[in-house]
Structures are given as C-alpha cells and as structure tokens.
Amino acid sequence: MTSLKNLQKEVQSRIQNDPAHDYSHILRVYKNAQKIAKHEKANSKLVLAAVLLHDIIQFPKSDPRNKTASEKSAILAKKILQKHDFEESEIAIICDAIRDHSYSRGKTPQTIEGKILQDADRLDALGAIGIARTFSVGGSEKRPIYNESDPFCRIRKPDDNSWTVDHFYRKLLLLEKKMNTNTGKALAKKRTKLMMNFLSDLKQEI
C-alpha cells in the first residue's frame, strides 16, 4: 500500500515527542489495529490510515485544549489525506474515526473502522505499556505517584490531576467494558488483569 507508506513518512516527520503519544505509540496502535482488523469485516487501509493520523495534533494532558485534539486532528487529517490519493468517501470514514476515537469525547464511532481505531488506541493504555505510559505522563506533569492517606481510592473519588495512581481508577480499569470488538475485549481483559496484579503488588510495597 504505497499511500500508507507515504502517509507513514509524513506522520513520522510531523508527530511530536510527547512521552505518551510519540511515534512509538502510533506504531503500537498500528500493530493492535492490524490484530483486530484480521477478525473484523473492515477496510484495513482505512483503519491503518486513521491510526497513523489519530494523534497528528496533540496537547499536554493538563492543557484545556486536550479535549479538542481529536477534532483538530480530524481536520488536519483531511488536508493530509487529500495529498495522498485517498478518495473523498474514504477520507470521510477516516476523519470520522479520528474525531470520535478520543476517550474524553465520550463517543462510540459509527463505523467498524472507527470502532477498531478506538479499541486499538485504548489497548495501548492498558497492560505493561499502559503502566509505563501512565507514570511517564504523571512524571512529566510533576504529579505525586499516589495519595498517602488513600492510595487506591477506597473512600474518595479518583483525582488523576493530583495523583498518578488515581488514573487507574478514574479511567484505565474502566476501559475493558468499553471495548467495541470481541477481539478488543479479549485483549483488554488480559491487559487489565496485568494492571490489577500490578496494583496488588504496589499495595504490598507501600
């Protein structure tokens, strides 16, 4: 797929060096999407194009503009795709997938391509890599690792703007039930179990 290869080169030149949304993140989501697409009736070219462009515009987690990143990425993606021999009907599907994939947007994509992108992206927030990304972002935002009086949110609401471990309870452990595809659900279940084991081990250590 020459168009995908050319698109990949452009994305690599544009993507920012954010600790959780760098080019390595794009490649991992790409790999996840390939796995899921094998078992779903989807257009792989459109899925993978959406993956490459889904984080083309990024803002820090603490930036108020972060909630608009997927919409802005979809707008820029359209301009980029028009240069890479994609048809207008294909561009519409890709851009819809990008716009609606974001967790903060609170939407379920309408197309199977969008559902696969959302699942593939959410998988990268889970498992061992999800743990690594969570603490990478927490460190870059200078957050304490955990709340000393209630590390695991037993008697308070999670506040992941203040403590990194709270992000597991605010978002990450909820993702398994929000997956769209059967393949995504199975992969998420395995990765969520790993995270639960990590939190159990952390409890023993602190």
C-alpha atoms as a PDB file:
ATOM      1  CA  MET A   1       0.000   0.000   0.000  1.00  0.00           C
ATOM      2  CA  THR A   2       2.064   2.887  -1.318  1.00  0.00           C
ATOM      3  CA  SER A   3      -0.367   5.506   0.012  1.00  0.00           C
ATOM      4  CA  LEU A   4       0.007   4.149   3.564  1.00  0.00           C
ATOM      5  CA  LYS A   5       3.805   4.122   3.318  1.00  0.00           C
ATOM      6  CA  ASN A   6       3.858   7.710   2.125  1.00  0.00           C
ATOM      7  CA  LEU A   7       1.397   8.685   4.834  1.00  0.00           C
ATOM      8  CA  GLN A   8       3.558   6.983   7.446  1.00  0.00           C
ATOM      9  CA  LYS A   9       6.587   9.036   6.388  1.00  0.00           C
ATOM     10  CA  GLU A  10       4.639  12.291   6.664  1.00  0.00           C
ATOM     11  CA  VAL A  11       3.247  11.411  10.090  1.00  0.00           C
ATOM     12  CA  GLN A  12       6.711  10.478  11.365  1.00  0.00           C
ATOM     13  CA  SER A  13       8.010  13.891  10.321  1.00  0.00           C
ATOM     14  CA  ARG A  14       5.118  15.727  11.993  1.00  0.00           C
ATOM     15  CA  ILE A  15       4.495  13.826  15.241  1.00  0.00           C
ATOM     16  CA  GLN A  16       5.631  15.468  18.471  1.00  0.00           C
ATOM     17  CA  ASN A  17       7.874  13.891  21.088  1.00  0.00           C
ATOM     18  CA  ASP A  18       5.188  13.608  23.761  1.00  0.00           C
ATOM     19  CA  PRO A  19       6.063  10.904  26.328  1.00  0.00           C
ATOM     20  CA  ALA A  20       2.767   9.052  25.873  1.00  0.00           C
ATOM     21  CA  HIS A  21       1.858   9.999  22.294  1.00  0.00           C
ATOM     22  CA  ASP A  22       5.117   9.739  20.383  1.00  0.00           C
ATOM     23  CA  TYR A  23       5.695   7.846  17.150  1.00  0.00           C
ATOM     24  CA  SER A  24       6.245   4.614  19.091  1.00  0.00           C
ATOM     25  CA  HIS A  25       2.661   4.956  20.350  1.00  0.00           C
ATOM     26  CA  ILE A  26       1.459   5.239  16.752  1.00  0.00           C
ATOM     27  CA  LEU A  27       3.329   2.055  15.810  1.00  0.00           C
ATOM     28  CA  ARG A  28       1.896   0.108  18.760  1.00  0.00           C
ATOM     29  CA  VAL A  29      -1.658   1.196  17.957  1.00  0.00           C
ATOM     30  CA  TYR A  30      -0.989   0.241  14.325  1.00  0.00           C
ATOM     31  CA  LYS A  31       0.022  -3.258  15.449  1.00  0.00           C
ATOM     32  CA  ASN A  32      -3.061  -3.533  17.683  1.00  0.00           C
ATOM     33  CA  ALA A  33      -5.309  -2.414  14.826  1.00  0.00           C
ATOM     34  CA  GLN A  34      -3.834  -4.989  12.469  1.00  0.00           C
ATOM     35  CA  LYS A  35      -4.596  -7.746  15.009  1.00  0.00           C
ATOM     36  CA  ILE A  36      -8.180  -6.624  15.493  1.00  0.00           C
ATOM     37  CA  ALA A  37      -8.869  -5.970  11.796  1.00  0.00           C
ATOM     38  CA  LYS A  38      -7.961  -9.568  10.955  1.00  0.00           C
ATOM     39  CA  HIS A  39     -11.067 -10.726  12.819  1.00  0.00           C
ATOM     40  CA  GLU A  40     -13.468  -7.965  11.783  1.00  0.00           C
ATOM     41  CA  LYS A  41     -15.071  -7.063   8.459  1.00  0.00           C
ATOM     42  CA  ALA A  42     -13.282  -3.775   7.996  1.00  0.00           C
ATOM     43  CA  ASN A  43     -11.298  -1.924   5.373  1.00  0.00           C
ATOM     44  CA  SER A  44      -7.741  -2.336   6.688  1.00  0.00           C
ATOM     45  CA  LYS A  45      -6.386   0.510   4.577  1.00  0.00           C
ATOM     46  CA  LEU A  46      -8.826   2.971   6.146  1.00  0.00           C
ATOM     47  CA  VAL A  47      -8.268   1.615   9.655  1.00  0.00           C
ATOM     48  CA  LEU A  48      -4.500   1.947   9.377  1.00  0.00           C
ATOM     49  CA  ALA A  49      -4.667   5.400   7.803  1.00  0.00           C
ATOM     50  CA  ALA A  50      -6.840   6.510  10.730  1.00  0.00           C
ATOM     51  CA  VAL A  51      -4.317   5.035  13.169  1.00  0.00           C
ATOM     52  CA  LEU A  52      -1.439   6.931  11.565  1.00  0.00           C
ATOM     53  CA  LEU A  53      -3.272  10.264  11.814  1.00  0.00           C
ATOM     54  CA  HIS A  54      -5.265   9.878  15.038  1.00  0.00           C
ATOM     55  CA  ASP A  55      -2.819  11.913  17.158  1.00  0.00           C
ATOM     56  CA  ILE A  56      -1.489  14.251  14.490  1.00  0.00           C
ATOM     57  CA  ILE A  57      -2.379  17.168  16.775  1.00  0.00           C
ATOM     58  CA  GLN A  58      -1.622  16.798  20.473  1.00  0.00           C
ATOM     59  CA  PHE A  59      -1.721  18.889  23.620  1.00  0.00           C
ATOM     60  CA  PRO A  60      -0.400  18.119  27.127  1.00  0.00           C
ATOM     61  CA  LYS A  61      -2.870  16.245  29.338  1.00  0.00           C
ATOM     62  CA  SER A  62      -3.235  19.274  31.604  1.00  0.00           C
ATOM     63  CA  ASP A  63      -3.911  21.645  28.685  1.00  0.00           C
ATOM     64  CA  PRO A  64      -7.622  22.590  28.350  1.00  0.00           C
ATOM     65  CA  ARG A  65      -7.250  22.213  24.576  1.00  0.00           C
ATOM     66  CA  ASN A  66      -6.562  18.493  25.027  1.00  0.00           C
ATOM     67  CA  LYS A  67     -10.298  17.751  24.770  1.00  0.00           C
ATOM     68  CA  THR A  68     -10.353  19.220  21.266  1.00  0.00           C
ATOM     69  CA  ALA A  69      -7.293  17.342  19.986  1.00  0.00           C
ATOM     70  CA  SER A  70      -9.233  14.602  18.168  1.00  0.00           C
ATOM     71  CA  GLU A  71     -11.435  17.146  16.372  1.00  0.00           C
ATOM     72  CA  LYS A  72      -8.426  19.219  15.339  1.00  0.00           C
ATOM     73  CA  SER A  73      -6.597  16.036  14.265  1.00  0.00           C
ATOM     74  CA  ALA A  74      -9.549  15.080  12.043  1.00  0.00           C
ATOM     75  CA  ILE A  75      -9.500  18.497  10.359  1.00  0.00           C
ATOM     76  CA  LEU A  76      -5.755  18.325   9.660  1.00  0.00           C
ATOM     77  CA  ALA A  77      -6.034  14.662   8.615  1.00  0.00           C
ATOM     78  CA  LYS A  78      -8.451  15.611   5.844  1.00  0.00           C
ATOM     79  CA  LYS A  79      -5.934  18.041   4.363  1.00  0.00           C
ATOM     80  CA  ILE A  80      -3.132  15.478   4.573  1.00  0.00           C
ATOM     81  CA  LEU A  81      -5.189  12.649   3.074  1.00  0.00           C
ATOM     82  CA  GLN A  82      -6.160  14.749   0.078  1.00  0.00           C
ATOM     83  CA  LYS A  83      -2.462  14.813  -0.862  1.00  0.00           C
ATOM     84  CA  HIS A  84      -2.110  11.021  -0.665  1.00  0.00           C
ATOM     85  CA  ASP A  85      -4.567   9.671  -3.257  1.00  0.00           C
ATOM     86  CA  PHE A  86      -7.459   8.910  -0.898  1.00  0.00           C
ATOM     87  CA  GLU A  87     -10.987   9.275  -2.246  1.00  0.00           C
ATOM     88  CA  GLU A  88     -13.421  11.660  -0.578  1.00  0.00           C
ATOM     89  CA  SER A  89     -15.585   8.767   0.642  1.00  0.00           C
ATOM     90  CA  GLU A  90     -12.514   7.163   2.248  1.00  0.00           C
ATOM     91  CA  ILE A  91     -11.435  10.442   3.807  1.00  0.00           C
ATOM     92  CA  ALA A  92     -14.876  10.862   5.394  1.00  0.00           C
ATOM     93  CA  ILE A  93     -14.642   7.447   7.083  1.00  0.00           C
ATOM     94  CA  ILE A  94     -11.079   8.039   8.278  1.00  0.00           C
ATOM     95  CA  CYS A  95     -11.799  11.513   9.655  1.00  0.00           C
ATOM     96  CA  ASP A  96     -14.965  10.369  11.435  1.00  0.00           C
ATOM     97  CA  ALA A  97     -12.936   7.601  13.082  1.00  0.00           C
ATOM     98  CA  ILE A  98     -10.271  10.061  14.220  1.00  0.00           C
ATOM     99  CA  ARG A  99     -12.784  12.595  15.531  1.00  0.00           C
ATOM    100  CA  ASP A 100     -14.724  10.077  17.627  1.00  0.00           C
ATOM    101  CA  HIS A 101     -11.914   7.817  18.935  1.00  0.00           C
ATOM    102  CA  SER A 102     -10.988  10.005  21.905  1.00  0.00           C
ATOM    103  CA  TYR A 103     -11.991   8.846  25.399  1.00  0.00           C
ATOM    104  CA  SER A 104     -12.662  12.405  26.556  1.00  0.00           C
ATOM    105  CA  ARG A 105     -15.066  12.957  23.655  1.00  0.00           C
ATOM    106  CA  GLY A 106     -17.284  10.198  25.053  1.00  0.00           C
ATOM    107  CA  LYS A 107     -18.443   8.910  21.658  1.00  0.00           C
ATOM    108  CA  THR A 108     -18.736   5.439  20.139  1.00  0.00           C
ATOM    109  CA  PRO A 109     -17.631   5.557  16.479  1.00  0.00           C
ATOM    110  CA  GLN A 110     -20.325   4.713  13.933  1.00  0.00           C
ATOM    111  CA  THR A 111     -18.157   2.671  11.549  1.00  0.00           C
ATOM    112  CA  ILE A 112     -16.286  -0.572  12.164  1.00  0.00           C
ATOM    113  CA  GLU A 113     -13.101   1.236  11.128  1.00  0.00           C
ATOM    114  CA  GLY A 114     -13.708   3.795  13.853  1.00  0.00           C
ATOM    115  CA  LYS A 115     -14.501   1.130  16.421  1.00  0.00           C
ATOM    116  CA  ILE A 116     -11.242  -0.681  15.636  1.00  0.00           C
ATOM    117  CA  LEU A 117      -9.207   2.533  15.927  1.00  0.00           C
ATOM    118  CA  GLN A 118     -10.799   3.276  19.292  1.00  0.00           C
ATOM    119  CA  ASP A 119     -10.117  -0.255  20.573  1.00  0.00           C
ATOM    120  CA  ALA A 120      -6.543  -0.280  19.276  1.00  0.00           C
ATOM    121  CA  ASP A 121      -5.802   3.082  20.872  1.00  0.00           C
ATOM    122  CA  ARG A 122      -7.348   2.073  24.199  1.00  0.00           C
ATOM    123  CA  LEU A 123      -5.333  -1.139  24.272  1.00  0.00           C
ATOM    124  CA  ASP A 124      -2.174   0.960  24.356  1.00  0.00           C
ATOM    125  CA  ALA A 125      -3.424   2.485  27.610  1.00  0.00           C
ATOM    126  CA  LEU A 126      -3.594  -0.984  29.173  1.00  0.00           C
ATOM    127  CA  GLY A 127      -1.142  -3.679  30.206  1.00  0.00           C
ATOM    128  CA  ALA A 128       2.573  -3.198  30.826  1.00  0.00           C
ATOM    129  CA  ILE A 129       2.867  -0.395  28.278  1.00  0.00           C
ATOM    130  CA  GLY A 130      -0.186   1.292  29.800  1.00  0.00           C
ATOM    131  CA  ILE A 131       1.503   1.301  33.207  1.00  0.00           C
ATOM    132  CA  ALA A 132       4.685   2.738  31.701  1.00  0.00           C
ATOM    133  CA  ARG A 133       2.777   5.467  29.854  1.00  0.00           C
ATOM    134  CA  THR A 134       0.734   6.380  32.922  1.00  0.00           C
ATOM    135  CA  PHE A 135       3.788   7.036  35.057  1.00  0.00           C
ATOM    136  CA  SER A 136       5.611   8.749  32.203  1.00  0.00           C
ATOM    137  CA  VAL A 137       2.780  11.268  31.903  1.00  0.00           C
ATOM    138  CA  GLY A 138       2.476  11.599  35.673  1.00  0.00           C
ATOM    139  CA  GLY A 139       6.170  12.391  35.921  1.00  0.00           C
ATOM    140  CA  SER A 140       6.055  14.922  33.090  1.00  0.00           C
ATOM    141  CA  GLU A 141       3.146  16.636  34.870  1.00  0.00           C
ATOM    142  CA  LYS A 142       5.087  16.513  38.183  1.00  0.00           C
ATOM    143  CA  ARG A 143       2.321  14.628  39.992  1.00  0.00           C
ATOM    144  CA  PRO A 144       2.945  12.573  43.145  1.00  0.00           C
ATOM    145  CA  ILE A 145       2.664   8.836  42.498  1.00  0.00           C
ATOM    146  CA  TYR A 146      -0.161   8.268  44.992  1.00  0.00           C
ATOM    147  CA  ASN A 147      -2.242   9.819  47.759  1.00  0.00           C
ATOM    148  CA  GLU A 148      -0.604   8.756  51.010  1.00  0.00           C
ATOM    149  CA  SER A 149      -3.807   8.651  53.056  1.00  0.00           C
ATOM    150  CA  ASP A 150      -5.830   6.656  50.485  1.00  0.00           C
ATOM    151  CA  PRO A 151      -3.580   5.396  47.654  1.00  0.00           C
ATOM    152  CA  PHE A 152      -6.231   3.186  45.994  1.00  0.00           C
ATOM    153  CA  CYS A 153      -9.282   5.448  46.194  1.00  0.00           C
ATOM    154  CA  ARG A 154     -11.126   3.389  48.800  1.00  0.00           C
ATOM    155  CA  ILE A 155     -13.023   6.299  50.366  1.00  0.00           C
ATOM    156  CA  ARG A 156     -12.624   9.142  47.878  1.00  0.00           C
ATOM    157  CA  LYS A 157     -13.235   9.864  44.226  1.00  0.00           C
ATOM    158  CA  PRO A 158     -10.213   9.404  41.950  1.00  0.00           C
ATOM    159  CA  ASP A 159      -8.414  12.648  41.115  1.00  0.00           C
ATOM    160  CA  ASP A 160      -5.859  11.907  38.405  1.00  0.00           C
ATOM    161  CA  ASN A 161      -4.928  15.571  38.113  1.00  0.00           C
ATOM    162  CA  SER A 162      -3.375  15.251  41.558  1.00  0.00           C
ATOM    163  CA  TRP A 163      -2.085  11.659  41.839  1.00  0.00           C
ATOM    164  CA  THR A 164      -0.932   9.272  39.133  1.00  0.00           C
ATOM    165  CA  VAL A 165      -2.292   6.023  40.632  1.00  0.00           C
ATOM    166  CA  ASP A 166      -5.740   7.610  40.640  1.00  0.00           C
ATOM    167  CA  HIS A 167      -5.696   7.401  36.827  1.00  0.00           C
ATOM    168  CA  PHE A 168      -6.122   3.631  37.049  1.00  0.00           C
ATOM    169  CA  TYR A 169      -9.414   4.122  38.908  1.00  0.00           C
ATOM    170  CA  ARG A 170     -10.523   7.218  37.014  1.00  0.00           C
ATOM    171  CA  LYS A 171     -10.107   5.663  33.557  1.00  0.00           C
ATOM    172  CA  LEU A 172      -7.836   2.702  32.860  1.00  0.00           C
ATOM    173  CA  LEU A 173      -9.670  -0.049  34.748  1.00  0.00           C
ATOM    174  CA  LEU A 174     -12.927   1.039  33.082  1.00  0.00           C
ATOM    175  CA  LEU A 175     -11.690   0.576  29.519  1.00  0.00           C
ATOM    176  CA  GLU A 176     -12.226  -3.191  29.295  1.00  0.00           C
ATOM    177  CA  LYS A 177     -16.002  -2.773  29.456  1.00  0.00           C
ATOM    178  CA  LYS A 178     -15.927  -0.011  26.840  1.00  0.00           C
ATOM    179  CA  MET A 179     -14.245  -2.004  24.065  1.00  0.00           C
ATOM    180  CA  ASN A 180     -16.204  -2.324  20.821  1.00  0.00           C
ATOM    181  CA  THR A 181     -14.987  -5.562  19.229  1.00  0.00           C
ATOM    182  CA  ASN A 182     -14.722  -9.108  20.538  1.00  0.00           C
ATOM    183  CA  THR A 183     -11.012  -9.186  19.743  1.00  0.00           C
ATOM    184  CA  GLY A 184     -10.501  -5.884  21.530  1.00  0.00           C
ATOM    185  CA  LYS A 185     -12.396  -7.120  24.569  1.00  0.00           C
ATOM    186  CA  ALA A 186     -10.294 -10.285  24.814  1.00  0.00           C
ATOM    187  CA  LEU A 187      -7.027  -8.365  24.555  1.00  0.00           C
ATOM    188  CA  ALA A 188      -8.219  -5.744  27.028  1.00  0.00           C
ATOM    189  CA  LYS A 189      -9.211  -8.397  29.575  1.00  0.00           C
ATOM    190  CA  LYS A 190      -5.701  -9.859  29.553  1.00  0.00           C
ATOM    191  CA  ARG A 191      -4.044  -6.460  29.888  1.00  0.00           C
ATOM    192  CA  THR A 192      -6.425  -5.301  32.622  1.00  0.00           C
ATOM    193  CA  LYS A 193      -5.586  -8.388  34.666  1.00  0.00           C
ATOM    194  CA  LEU A 194      -1.906  -7.477  34.442  1.00  0.00           C
ATOM    195  CA  MET A 195      -2.691  -3.978  35.738  1.00  0.00           C
ATOM    196  CA  MET A 196      -4.744  -5.349  38.624  1.00  0.00           C
ATOM    197  CA  ASN A 197      -1.817  -7.570  39.572  1.00  0.00           C
ATOM    198  CA  PHE A 198       0.480  -4.542  39.460  1.00  0.00           C
ATOM    199  CA  LEU A 199      -1.792  -2.575  41.804  1.00  0.00           C
ATOM    200  CA  SER A 200      -1.940  -5.566  44.150  1.00  0.00           C
ATOM    201  CA  ASP A 201       1.859  -5.729  44.211  1.00  0.00           C
ATOM    202  CA  LEU A 202       2.059  -1.959  44.752  1.00  0.00           C
ATOM    203  CA  LYS A 203      -0.285  -2.270  47.732  1.00  0.00           C
ATOM    204  CA  GLN A 204       2.100  -4.751  49.324  1.00  0.00           C
ATOM    205  CA  GLU A 205       5.061  -2.426  48.816  1.00  0.00           C
ATOM    206  CA  ILE A 206       3.618   0.803  50.219  1.00  0.00           C
END
